[in-house]
Amino acid sequence: MINILENLPKNTEVEHFQDIIKSDAIRIERIVSYGQSSPEEGWYDQSEHEWVLVLSGYGVVEFDCGEICQLKSGDCLLIKAGRKHRVIETSSDEATVWLAIFYRE
């Protein structure tokens, strides 16, 4: 058994990605951010759908159409495959812990 909110990485200089479950059909990942955001010139353009849940902290996701979603603890978002997006802000005074589920139809 694990607690997804315990044993958070101590290094706050980088964002941390940890696979919890990984198979050909699905990938479940814990992401821990400490104020990080996507590179200014970079957009995620994934071939998988991504369902993301913020467990602590907050994150702000921007889509290439200009839509912005602010997610706080308990908020979730479905990002369809091929929808370009990036993270423009995460909490800098506490860890933002994301649970991300990647899957294909």
PDB file of N, CA and C in Angstrom:
ATOM      1  N   MET A   1       0.844  -1.173   0.000  1.00  0.00           N
ATOM      2  CA  MET A   1       0.000   0.000   0.000  1.00  0.00           C
ATOM      3  C   MET A   1       0.893   1.241   0.000  1.00  0.00           C
ATOM      4  N   ILE A   2       0.458   2.254  -0.726  1.00  0.00           N
ATOM      5  CA  ILE A   2       1.154   3.539  -0.709  1.00  0.00           C
ATOM      6  C   ILE A   2       0.149   4.649  -0.430  1.00  0.00           C
ATOM      7  N   ASN A   3       0.639   5.747   0.065  1.00  0.00           N
ATOM      8  CA  ASN A   3      -0.160   6.958   0.207  1.00  0.00           C
ATOM      9  C   ASN A   3       0.431   7.957  -0.771  1.00  0.00           C
ATOM     10  N   ILE A   4      -0.343   8.362  -1.749  1.00  0.00           N
ATOM     11  CA  ILE A   4       0.146   9.203  -2.843  1.00  0.00           C
ATOM     12  C   ILE A   4       0.584  10.591  -2.364  1.00  0.00           C
ATOM     13  N   LEU A   5       0.142  10.992  -1.164  1.00  0.00           N
ATOM     14  CA  LEU A   5       0.505  12.307  -0.636  1.00  0.00           C
ATOM     15  C   LEU A   5       1.683  12.255   0.334  1.00  0.00           C
ATOM     16  N   GLU A   6       2.223  11.064   0.569  1.00  0.00           N
ATOM     17  CA  GLU A   6       3.373  10.923   1.454  1.00  0.00           C
ATOM     18  C   GLU A   6       4.642  10.687   0.652  1.00  0.00           C
ATOM     19  N   ASN A   7       5.771  10.844   1.326  1.00  0.00           N
ATOM     20  CA  ASN A   7       7.087  10.626   0.720  1.00  0.00           C
ATOM     21  C   ASN A   7       7.273  11.442  -0.556  1.00  0.00           C
ATOM     22  N   LEU A   8       6.889  12.703  -0.497  1.00  0.00           N
ATOM     23  CA  LEU A   8       7.058  13.586  -1.652  1.00  0.00           C
ATOM     24  C   LEU A   8       8.543  13.870  -1.845  1.00  0.00           C
ATOM     25  N   PRO A   9       8.975  14.025  -3.086  1.00  0.00           N
ATOM     26  CA  PRO A   9      10.385  14.325  -3.345  1.00  0.00           C
ATOM     27  C   PRO A   9      10.804  15.614  -2.645  1.00  0.00           C
ATOM     28  N   LYS A  10      12.013  15.621  -2.148  1.00  0.00           N
ATOM     29  CA  LYS A  10      12.523  16.781  -1.403  1.00  0.00           C
ATOM     30  C   LYS A  10      13.060  17.879  -2.326  1.00  0.00           C
ATOM     31  N   ASN A  11      13.546  17.506  -3.502  1.00  0.00           N
ATOM     32  CA  ASN A  11      14.130  18.472  -4.438  1.00  0.00           C
ATOM     33  C   ASN A  11      13.009  19.290  -5.082  1.00  0.00           C
ATOM     34  N   THR A  12      12.939  20.577  -4.714  1.00  0.00           N
ATOM     35  CA  THR A  12      11.887  21.444  -5.245  1.00  0.00           C
ATOM     36  C   THR A  12      12.312  22.168  -6.528  1.00  0.00           C
ATOM     37  N   GLU A  13      13.525  21.918  -6.984  1.00  0.00           N
ATOM     38  CA  GLU A  13      14.036  22.600  -8.182  1.00  0.00           C
ATOM     39  C   GLU A  13      13.485  22.009  -9.474  1.00  0.00           C
ATOM     40  N   VAL A  14      12.989  20.768  -9.404  1.00  0.00           N
ATOM     41  CA  VAL A  14      12.490  20.097 -10.605  1.00  0.00           C
ATOM     42  C   VAL A  14      11.125  19.483 -10.324  1.00  0.00           C
ATOM     43  N   GLU A  15      10.402  19.217 -11.398  1.00  0.00           N
ATOM     44  CA  GLU A  15       9.127  18.517 -11.314  1.00  0.00           C
ATOM     45  C   GLU A  15       9.412  17.016 -11.322  1.00  0.00           C
ATOM     46  N   HIS A  16       8.614  16.260 -10.588  1.00  0.00           N
ATOM     47  CA  HIS A  16       8.860  14.820 -10.440  1.00  0.00           C
ATOM     48  C   HIS A  16       7.703  14.015 -11.020  1.00  0.00           C
ATOM     49  N   PHE A  17       8.031  12.981 -11.797  1.00  0.00           N
ATOM     50  CA  PHE A  17       7.054  12.104 -12.436  1.00  0.00           C
ATOM     51  C   PHE A  17       7.307  10.677 -11.958  1.00  0.00           C
ATOM     52  N   GLN A  18       6.265  10.012 -11.469  1.00  0.00           N
ATOM     53  CA  GLN A  18       6.408   8.646 -10.971  1.00  0.00           C
ATOM     54  C   GLN A  18       5.259   7.794 -11.494  1.00  0.00           C
ATOM     55  N   ASP A  19       5.592   6.755 -12.274  1.00  0.00           N
ATOM     56  CA  ASP A  19       4.571   5.816 -12.724  1.00  0.00           C
ATOM     57  C   ASP A  19       4.094   4.996 -11.537  1.00  0.00           C
ATOM     58  N   ILE A  20       2.791   4.911 -11.370  1.00  0.00           N
ATOM     59  CA  ILE A  20       2.192   4.081 -10.329  1.00  0.00           C
ATOM     60  C   ILE A  20       1.748   2.756 -10.949  1.00  0.00           C
ATOM     61  N   ILE A  21       1.102   2.844 -12.109  1.00  0.00           N
ATOM     62  CA  ILE A  21       0.700   1.674 -12.891  1.00  0.00           C
ATOM     63  C   ILE A  21       1.013   1.980 -14.337  1.00  0.00           C
ATOM     64  N   LYS A  22       1.580   1.002 -15.033  1.00  0.00           N
ATOM     65  CA  LYS A  22       1.911   1.209 -16.441  1.00  0.00           C
ATOM     66  C   LYS A  22       1.689  -0.103 -17.190  1.00  0.00           C
ATOM     67  N   SER A  23       0.869  -0.020 -18.237  1.00  0.00           N
ATOM     68  CA  SER A  23       0.637  -1.169 -19.112  1.00  0.00           C
ATOM     69  C   SER A  23       0.437  -0.640 -20.524  1.00  0.00           C
ATOM     70  N   ASP A  24       0.169  -1.532 -21.455  1.00  0.00           N
ATOM     71  CA  ASP A  24      -0.086  -1.097 -22.829  1.00  0.00           C
ATOM     72  C   ASP A  24      -1.377  -0.289 -22.924  1.00  0.00           C
ATOM     73  N   ALA A  25      -2.318  -0.528 -22.022  1.00  0.00           N
ATOM     74  CA  ALA A  25      -3.633   0.102 -22.108  1.00  0.00           C
ATOM     75  C   ALA A  25      -3.765   1.390 -21.302  1.00  0.00           C
ATOM     76  N   ILE A  26      -2.995   1.506 -20.227  1.00  0.00           N
ATOM     77  CA  ILE A  26      -3.188   2.633 -19.314  1.00  0.00           C
ATOM     78  C   ILE A  26      -1.890   2.955 -18.582  1.00  0.00           C
ATOM     79  N   ARG A  27      -1.742   4.224 -18.229  1.00  0.00           N
ATOM     80  CA  ARG A  27      -0.615   4.646 -17.400  1.00  0.00           C
ATOM     81  C   ARG A  27      -1.163   5.596 -16.347  1.00  0.00           C
ATOM     82  N   ILE A  28      -0.872   5.308 -15.095  1.00  0.00           N
ATOM     83  CA  ILE A  28      -1.282   6.170 -13.989  1.00  0.00           C
ATOM     84  C   ILE A  28      -0.007   6.720 -13.371  1.00  0.00           C
ATOM     85  N   GLU A  29       0.027   8.034 -13.238  1.00  0.00           N
ATOM     86  CA  GLU A  29       1.264   8.713 -12.868  1.00  0.00           C
ATOM     87  C   GLU A  29       1.001   9.726 -11.763  1.00  0.00           C
ATOM     88  N   ARG A  30       1.931   9.804 -10.821  1.00  0.00           N
ATOM     89  CA  ARG A  30       1.918  10.891  -9.842  1.00  0.00           C
ATOM     90  C   ARG A  30       2.909  11.934 -10.331  1.00  0.00           C
ATOM     91  N   ILE A  31       2.458  13.185 -10.369  1.00  0.00           N
ATOM     92  CA  ILE A  31       3.315  14.304 -10.741  1.00  0.00           C
ATOM     93  C   ILE A  31       3.364  15.243  -9.538  1.00  0.00           C
ATOM     94  N   VAL A  32       4.565  15.645  -9.154  1.00  0.00           N
ATOM     95  CA  VAL A  32       4.730  16.576  -8.043  1.00  0.00           C
ATOM     96  C   VAL A  32       5.447  17.810  -8.583  1.00  0.00           C
ATOM     97  N   SER A  33       4.762  18.944  -8.486  1.00  0.00           N
ATOM     98  CA  SER A  33       5.290  20.218  -8.979  1.00  0.00           C
ATOM     99  C   SER A  33       5.519  21.159  -7.807  1.00  0.00           C
ATOM    100  N   TYR A  34       6.572  21.948  -7.907  1.00  0.00           N
ATOM    101  CA  TYR A  34       6.904  22.942  -6.887  1.00  0.00           C
ATOM    102  C   TYR A  34       7.072  24.306  -7.558  1.00  0.00           C
ATOM    103  N   GLY A  35       6.024  24.780  -8.194  1.00  0.00           N
ATOM    104  CA  GLY A  35       6.089  26.063  -8.880  1.00  0.00           C
ATOM    105  C   GLY A  35       6.503  25.956 -10.341  1.00  0.00           C
ATOM    106  N   GLN A  36       6.720  24.742 -10.834  1.00  0.00           N
ATOM    107  CA  GLN A  36       7.147  24.579 -12.226  1.00  0.00           C
ATOM    108  C   GLN A  36       5.973  24.820 -13.187  1.00  0.00           C
ATOM    109  N   SER A  37       6.340  25.109 -14.424  1.00  0.00           N
ATOM    110  CA  SER A  37       5.377  25.248 -15.509  1.00  0.00           C
ATOM    111  C   SER A  37       6.006  24.662 -16.770  1.00  0.00           C
ATOM    112  N   SER A  38       5.189  24.534 -17.811  1.00  0.00           N
ATOM    113  CA  SER A  38       5.710  24.026 -19.080  1.00  0.00           C
ATOM    114  C   SER A  38       6.654  25.053 -19.687  1.00  0.00           C
ATOM    115  N   PRO A  39       7.614  24.617 -20.502  1.00  0.00           N
ATOM    116  CA  PRO A  39       8.479  25.576 -21.193  1.00  0.00           C
ATOM    117  C   PRO A  39       7.637  26.537 -22.037  1.00  0.00           C
ATOM    118  N   GLU A  40       8.030  27.778 -22.090  1.00  0.00           N
ATOM    119  CA  GLU A  40       7.265  28.815 -22.793  1.00  0.00           C
ATOM    120  C   GLU A  40       6.951  28.427 -24.240  1.00  0.00           C
ATOM    121  N   GLU A  41       7.907  27.821 -24.930  1.00  0.00           N
ATOM    122  CA  GLU A  41       7.692  27.473 -26.340  1.00  0.00           C
ATOM    123  C   GLU A  41       7.079  26.093 -26.517  1.00  0.00           C
ATOM    124  N   GLY A  42       6.857  25.370 -25.419  1.00  0.00           N
ATOM    125  CA  GLY A  42       6.415  23.980 -25.545  1.00  0.00           C
ATOM    126  C   GLY A  42       4.955  23.770 -25.225  1.00  0.00           C
ATOM    127  N   TRP A  43       4.289  22.981 -26.050  1.00  0.00           N
ATOM    128  CA  TRP A  43       2.912  22.556 -25.820  1.00  0.00           C
ATOM    129  C   TRP A  43       2.894  21.036 -25.799  1.00  0.00           C
ATOM    130  N   TYR A  44       2.150  20.465 -24.873  1.00  0.00           N
ATOM    131  CA  TYR A  44       1.939  19.021 -24.900  1.00  0.00           C
ATOM    132  C   TYR A  44       0.927  18.721 -26.007  1.00  0.00           C
ATOM    133  N   ASP A  45       1.243  17.753 -26.834  1.00  0.00           N
ATOM    134  CA  ASP A  45       0.347  17.310 -27.908  1.00  0.00           C
ATOM    135  C   ASP A  45       0.409  15.788 -27.910  1.00  0.00           C
ATOM    136  N   GLN A  46      -0.398  15.183 -27.065  1.00  0.00           N
ATOM    137  CA  GLN A  46      -0.291  13.766 -26.765  1.00  0.00           C
ATOM    138  C   GLN A  46      -1.202  12.909 -27.634  1.00  0.00           C
ATOM    139  N   SER A  47      -0.788  11.685 -27.863  1.00  0.00           N
ATOM    140  CA  SER A  47      -1.599  10.727 -28.612  1.00  0.00           C
ATOM    141  C   SER A  47      -2.560   9.969 -27.689  1.00  0.00           C
ATOM    142  N   GLU A  48      -2.462  10.204 -26.382  1.00  0.00           N
ATOM    143  CA  GLU A  48      -3.334   9.569 -25.400  1.00  0.00           C
ATOM    144  C   GLU A  48      -4.258  10.616 -24.791  1.00  0.00           C
ATOM    145  N   HIS A  49      -5.413  10.170 -24.314  1.00  0.00           N
ATOM    146  CA  HIS A  49      -6.263  11.027 -23.492  1.00  0.00           C
ATOM    147  C   HIS A  49      -5.606  11.113 -22.115  1.00  0.00           C
ATOM    148  N   GLU A  50      -5.828  12.238 -21.454  1.00  0.00           N
ATOM    149  CA  GLU A  50      -5.283  12.406 -20.104  1.00  0.00           C
ATOM    150  C   GLU A  50      -6.377  12.936 -19.189  1.00  0.00           C
ATOM    151  N   TRP A  51      -6.630  12.188 -18.120  1.00  0.00           N
ATOM    152  CA  TRP A  51      -7.520  12.656 -17.069  1.00  0.00           C
ATOM    153  C   TRP A  51      -6.620  13.008 -15.901  1.00  0.00           C
ATOM    154  N   VAL A  52      -6.744  14.234 -15.410  1.00  0.00           N
ATOM    155  CA  VAL A  52      -5.843  14.696 -14.356  1.00  0.00           C
ATOM    156  C   VAL A  52      -6.663  15.223 -13.183  1.00  0.00           C
ATOM    157  N   LEU A  53      -6.184  14.901 -11.980  1.00  0.00           N
ATOM    158  CA  LEU A  53      -6.820  15.313 -10.737  1.00  0.00           C
ATOM    159  C   LEU A  53      -5.766  15.991  -9.870  1.00  0.00           C
ATOM    160  N   VAL A  54      -6.087  17.171  -9.348  1.00  0.00           N
ATOM    161  CA  VAL A  54      -5.185  17.856  -8.420  1.00  0.00           C
ATOM    162  C   VAL A  54      -5.552  17.407  -7.007  1.00  0.00           C
ATOM    163  N   LEU A  55      -4.584  16.813  -6.325  1.00  0.00           N
ATOM    164  CA  LEU A  55      -4.800  16.322  -4.968  1.00  0.00           C
ATOM    165  C   LEU A  55      -4.417  17.350  -3.912  1.00  0.00           C
ATOM    166  N   SER A  56      -3.410  18.169  -4.202  1.00  0.00           N
ATOM    167  CA  SER A  56      -3.017  19.245  -3.290  1.00  0.00           C
ATOM    168  C   SER A  56      -2.378  20.354  -4.117  1.00  0.00           C
ATOM    169  N   GLY A  57      -2.380  21.555  -3.539  1.00  0.00           N
ATOM    170  CA  GLY A  57      -1.849  22.699  -4.278  1.00  0.00           C
ATOM    171  C   GLY A  57      -2.839  23.138  -5.352  1.00  0.00           C
ATOM    172  N   TYR A  58      -2.292  23.722  -6.410  1.00  0.00           N
ATOM    173  CA  TYR A  58      -3.131  24.122  -7.543  1.00  0.00           C
ATOM    174  C   TYR A  58      -2.298  24.124  -8.811  1.00  0.00           C
ATOM    175  N   GLY A  59      -2.983  24.084  -9.943  1.00  0.00           N
ATOM    176  CA  GLY A  59      -2.334  24.178 -11.241  1.00  0.00           C
ATOM    177  C   GLY A  59      -3.226  24.918 -12.212  1.00  0.00           C
ATOM    178  N   VAL A  60      -2.604  25.583 -13.163  1.00  0.00           N
ATOM    179  CA  VAL A  60      -3.342  26.317 -14.190  1.00  0.00           C
ATOM    180  C   VAL A  60      -2.926  25.747 -15.542  1.00  0.00           C
ATOM    181  N   VAL A  61      -3.909  25.245 -16.282  1.00  0.00           N
ATOM    182  CA  VAL A  61      -3.676  24.638 -17.593  1.00  0.00           C
ATOM    183  C   VAL A  61      -4.234  25.562 -18.656  1.00  0.00           C
ATOM    184  N   GLU A  62      -3.425  25.810 -19.687  1.00  0.00           N
ATOM    185  CA  GLU A  62      -3.846  26.647 -20.824  1.00  0.00           C
ATOM    186  C   GLU A  62      -3.895  25.780 -22.072  1.00  0.00           C
ATOM    187  N   PHE A  63      -4.930  25.979 -22.872  1.00  0.00           N
ATOM    188  CA  PHE A  63      -5.056  25.298 -24.156  1.00  0.00           C
ATOM    189  C   PHE A  63      -4.679  26.267 -25.267  1.00  0.00           C
ATOM    190  N   ASP A  64      -4.261  25.736 -26.418  1.00  0.00           N
ATOM    191  CA  ASP A  64      -3.778  26.600 -27.503  1.00  0.00           C
ATOM    192  C   ASP A  64      -4.865  27.503 -28.076  1.00  0.00           C
ATOM    193  N   CYS A  65      -6.125  27.242 -27.751  1.00  0.00           N
ATOM    194  CA  CYS A  65      -7.224  28.110 -28.197  1.00  0.00           C
ATOM    195  C   CYS A  65      -7.394  29.317 -27.268  1.00  0.00           C
ATOM    196  N   GLY A  66      -6.630  29.347 -26.158  1.00  0.00           N
ATOM    197  CA  GLY A  66      -6.710  30.450 -25.213  1.00  0.00           C
ATOM    198  C   GLY A  66      -7.513  30.121 -23.960  1.00  0.00           C
ATOM    199  N   GLU A  67      -8.214  28.995 -23.942  1.00  0.00           N
ATOM    200  CA  GLU A  67      -8.970  28.601 -22.758  1.00  0.00           C
ATOM    201  C   GLU A  67      -8.010  28.299 -21.603  1.00  0.00           C
ATOM    202  N   ILE A  68      -8.377  28.758 -20.414  1.00  0.00           N
ATOM    203  CA  ILE A  68      -7.555  28.539 -19.226  1.00  0.00           C
ATOM    204  C   ILE A  68      -8.408  27.870 -18.157  1.00  0.00           C
ATOM    205  N   CYS A  69      -7.874  26.808 -17.557  1.00  0.00           N
ATOM    206  CA  CYS A  69      -8.552  26.081 -16.485  1.00  0.00           C
ATOM    207  C   CYS A  69      -7.695  26.153 -15.233  1.00  0.00           C
ATOM    208  N   GLN A  70      -8.276  26.674 -14.162  1.00  0.00           N
ATOM    209  CA  GLN A  70      -7.585  26.739 -12.881  1.00  0.00           C
ATOM    210  C   GLN A  70      -8.090  25.581 -12.029  1.00  0.00           C
ATOM    211  N   LEU A  71      -7.176  24.712 -11.635  1.00  0.00           N
ATOM    212  CA  LEU A  71      -7.538  23.533 -10.861  1.00  0.00           C
ATOM    213  C   LEU A  71      -6.979  23.639  -9.448  1.00  0.00           C
ATOM    214  N   LYS A  72      -7.843  23.449  -8.475  1.00  0.00           N
ATOM    215  CA  LYS A  72      -7.428  23.409  -7.072  1.00  0.00           C
ATOM    216  C   LYS A  72      -7.657  21.998  -6.554  1.00  0.00           C
ATOM    217  N   SER A  73      -7.288  21.751  -5.329  1.00  0.00           N
ATOM    218  CA  SER A  73      -7.424  20.430  -4.731  1.00  0.00           C
ATOM    219  C   SER A  73      -8.835  19.883  -4.938  1.00  0.00           C
ATOM    220  N   GLY A  74      -8.919  18.696  -5.523  1.00  0.00           N
ATOM    221  CA  GLY A  74     -10.201  18.048  -5.793  1.00  0.00           C
ATOM    222  C   GLY A  74     -10.723  18.254  -7.201  1.00  0.00           C
ATOM    223  N   ASP A  75     -10.166  19.204  -7.942  1.00  0.00           N
ATOM    224  CA  ASP A  75     -10.620  19.459  -9.314  1.00  0.00           C
ATOM    225  C   ASP A  75      -9.966  18.487 -10.285  1.00  0.00           C
ATOM    226  N   CYS A  76     -10.735  18.068 -11.292  1.00  0.00           N
ATOM    227  CA  CYS A  76     -10.198  17.183 -12.317  1.00  0.00           C
ATOM    228  C   CYS A  76     -10.557  17.709 -13.697  1.00  0.00           C
ATOM    229  N   LEU A  77      -9.830  17.221 -14.691  1.00  0.00           N
ATOM    230  CA  LEU A  77      -9.965  17.713 -16.054  1.00  0.00           C
ATOM    231  C   LEU A  77      -9.639  16.581 -17.022  1.00  0.00           C
ATOM    232  N   LEU A  78     -10.452  16.448 -18.066  1.00  0.00           N
ATOM    233  CA  LEU A  78     -10.162  15.488 -19.128  1.00  0.00           C
ATOM    234  C   LEU A  78      -9.593  16.252 -20.316  1.00  0.00           C
ATOM    235  N   ILE A  79      -8.412  15.844 -20.735  1.00  0.00           N
ATOM    236  CA  ILE A  79      -7.758  16.457 -21.896  1.00  0.00           C
ATOM    237  C   ILE A  79      -7.726  15.405 -22.996  1.00  0.00           C
ATOM    238  N   LYS A  80      -8.486  15.626 -24.033  1.00  0.00           N
ATOM    239  CA  LYS A  80      -8.577  14.668 -25.139  1.00  0.00           C
ATOM    240  C   LYS A  80      -7.254  14.595 -25.903  1.00  0.00           C
ATOM    241  N   ALA A  81      -6.961  13.443 -26.432  1.00  0.00           N
ATOM    242  CA  ALA A  81      -5.754  13.244 -27.244  1.00  0.00           C
ATOM    243  C   ALA A  81      -5.719  14.282 -28.362  1.00  0.00           C
ATOM    244  N   GLY A  82      -4.542  14.833 -28.610  1.00  0.00           N
ATOM    245  CA  GLY A  82      -4.371  15.806 -29.685  1.00  0.00           C
ATOM    246  C   GLY A  82      -4.729  17.236 -29.313  1.00  0.00           C
ATOM    247  N   ARG A  83      -5.251  17.465 -28.125  1.00  0.00           N
ATOM    248  CA  ARG A  83      -5.584  18.828 -27.704  1.00  0.00           C
ATOM    249  C   ARG A  83      -4.346  19.453 -27.063  1.00  0.00           C
ATOM    250  N   LYS A  84      -3.789  20.433 -27.738  1.00  0.00           N
ATOM    251  CA  LYS A  84      -2.552  21.054 -27.272  1.00  0.00           C
ATOM    252  C   LYS A  84      -2.807  21.854 -25.999  1.00  0.00           C
ATOM    253  N   HIS A  85      -1.921  21.643 -25.019  1.00  0.00           N
ATOM    254  CA  HIS A  85      -2.062  22.299 -23.725  1.00  0.00           C
ATOM    255  C   HIS A  85      -0.701  22.439 -23.062  1.00  0.00           C
ATOM    256  N   ARG A  86      -0.676  23.262 -22.027  1.00  0.00           N
ATOM    257  CA  ARG A  86       0.529  23.410 -21.214  1.00  0.00           C
ATOM    258  C   ARG A  86       0.118  23.872 -19.824  1.00  0.00           C
ATOM    259  N   VAL A  87       0.996  23.640 -18.886  1.00  0.00           N
ATOM    260  CA  VAL A  87       0.789  24.099 -17.516  1.00  0.00           C
ATOM    261  C   VAL A  87       1.476  25.449 -17.396  1.00  0.00           C
ATOM    262  N   ILE A  88       0.713  26.479 -17.053  1.00  0.00           N
ATOM    263  CA  ILE A  88       1.300  27.820 -16.987  1.00  0.00           C
ATOM    264  C   ILE A  88       1.627  28.259 -15.561  1.00  0.00           C
ATOM    265  N   GLU A  89       1.117  27.504 -14.560  1.00  0.00           N
ATOM    266  CA  GLU A  89       1.428  27.873 -13.183  1.00  0.00           C
ATOM    267  C   GLU A  89       1.090  26.712 -12.259  1.00  0.00           C
ATOM    268  N   THR A  90       1.922  26.528 -11.236  1.00  0.00           N
ATOM    269  CA  THR A  90       1.605  25.634 -10.122  1.00  0.00           C
ATOM    270  C   THR A  90       1.988  26.344  -8.837  1.00  0.00           C
ATOM    271  N   SER A  91       1.464  25.854  -7.749  1.00  0.00           N
ATOM    272  CA  SER A  91       1.714  26.466  -6.444  1.00  0.00           C
ATOM    273  C   SER A  91       3.210  26.471  -6.128  1.00  0.00           C
ATOM    274  N   SER A  92       3.695  27.615  -5.693  1.00  0.00           N
ATOM    275  CA  SER A  92       5.118  27.712  -5.332  1.00  0.00           C
ATOM    276  C   SER A  92       5.332  27.622  -3.819  1.00  0.00           C
ATOM    277  N   ASP A  93       4.256  27.712  -3.040  1.00  0.00           N
ATOM    278  CA  ASP A  93       4.421  27.660  -1.584  1.00  0.00           C
ATOM    279  C   ASP A  93       4.038  26.305  -0.982  1.00  0.00           C
ATOM    280  N   GLU A  94       3.605  25.371  -1.812  1.00  0.00           N
ATOM    281  CA  GLU A  94       3.339  24.003  -1.382  1.00  0.00           C
ATOM    282  C   GLU A  94       3.432  23.096  -2.608  1.00  0.00           C
ATOM    283  N   ALA A  95       3.574  21.826  -2.370  1.00  0.00           N
ATOM    284  CA  ALA A  95       3.635  20.882  -3.490  1.00  0.00           C
ATOM    285  C   ALA A  95       2.272  20.791  -4.160  1.00  0.00           C
ATOM    286  N   THR A  96       2.289  20.844  -5.486  1.00  0.00           N
ATOM    287  CA  THR A  96       1.087  20.505  -6.244  1.00  0.00           C
ATOM    288  C   THR A  96       1.235  19.045  -6.626  1.00  0.00           C
ATOM    289  N   VAL A  97       0.316  18.220  -6.138  1.00  0.00           N
ATOM    290  CA  VAL A  97       0.350  16.796  -6.431  1.00  0.00           C
ATOM    291  C   VAL A  97      -0.793  16.490  -7.390  1.00  0.00           C
ATOM    292  N   TRP A  98      -0.415  15.969  -8.553  1.00  0.00           N
ATOM    293  CA  TRP A  98      -1.361  15.607  -9.603  1.00  0.00           C
ATOM    294  C   TRP A  98      -1.447  14.082  -9.685  1.00  0.00           C
ATOM    295  N   LEU A  99      -2.619  13.568  -9.972  1.00  0.00           N
ATOM    296  CA  LEU A  99      -2.790  12.177 -10.352  1.00  0.00           C
ATOM    297  C   LEU A  99      -3.241  12.211 -11.803  1.00  0.00           C
ATOM    298  N   ALA A 100      -2.424  11.662 -12.692  1.00  0.00           N
ATOM    299  CA  ALA A 100      -2.723  11.707 -14.127  1.00  0.00           C
ATOM    300  C   ALA A 100      -2.936  10.282 -14.637  1.00  0.00           C
ATOM    301  N   ILE A 101      -4.017  10.107 -15.382  1.00  0.00           N
ATOM    302  CA  ILE A 101      -4.325   8.817 -15.995  1.00  0.00           C
ATOM    303  C   ILE A 101      -4.321   9.013 -17.501  1.00  0.00           C
ATOM    304  N   PHE A 102      -3.446   8.288 -18.182  1.00  0.00           N
ATOM    305  CA  PHE A 102      -3.307   8.362 -19.637  1.00  0.00           C
ATOM    306  C   PHE A 102      -3.873   7.078 -20.221  1.00  0.00           C
ATOM    307  N   TYR A 103      -4.704   7.220 -21.266  1.00  0.00           N
ATOM    308  CA  TYR A 103      -5.312   6.031 -21.872  1.00  0.00           C
ATOM    309  C   TYR A 103      -5.675   6.304 -23.322  1.00  0.00           C
ATOM    310  N   ARG A 104      -5.887   5.230 -24.052  1.00  0.00           N
ATOM    311  CA  ARG A 104      -6.342   5.294 -25.446  1.00  0.00           C
ATOM    312  C   ARG A 104      -7.728   4.674 -25.507  1.00  0.00           C
ATOM    313  N   GLU A 105      -8.532   5.105 -26.479  1.00  0.00           N
ATOM    314  CA  GLU A 105      -9.859   4.512 -26.646  1.00  0.00           C
ATOM    315  C   GLU A 105      -9.764   3.201 -27.372  1.00  0.00           C
TER     316      GLU A 105
END
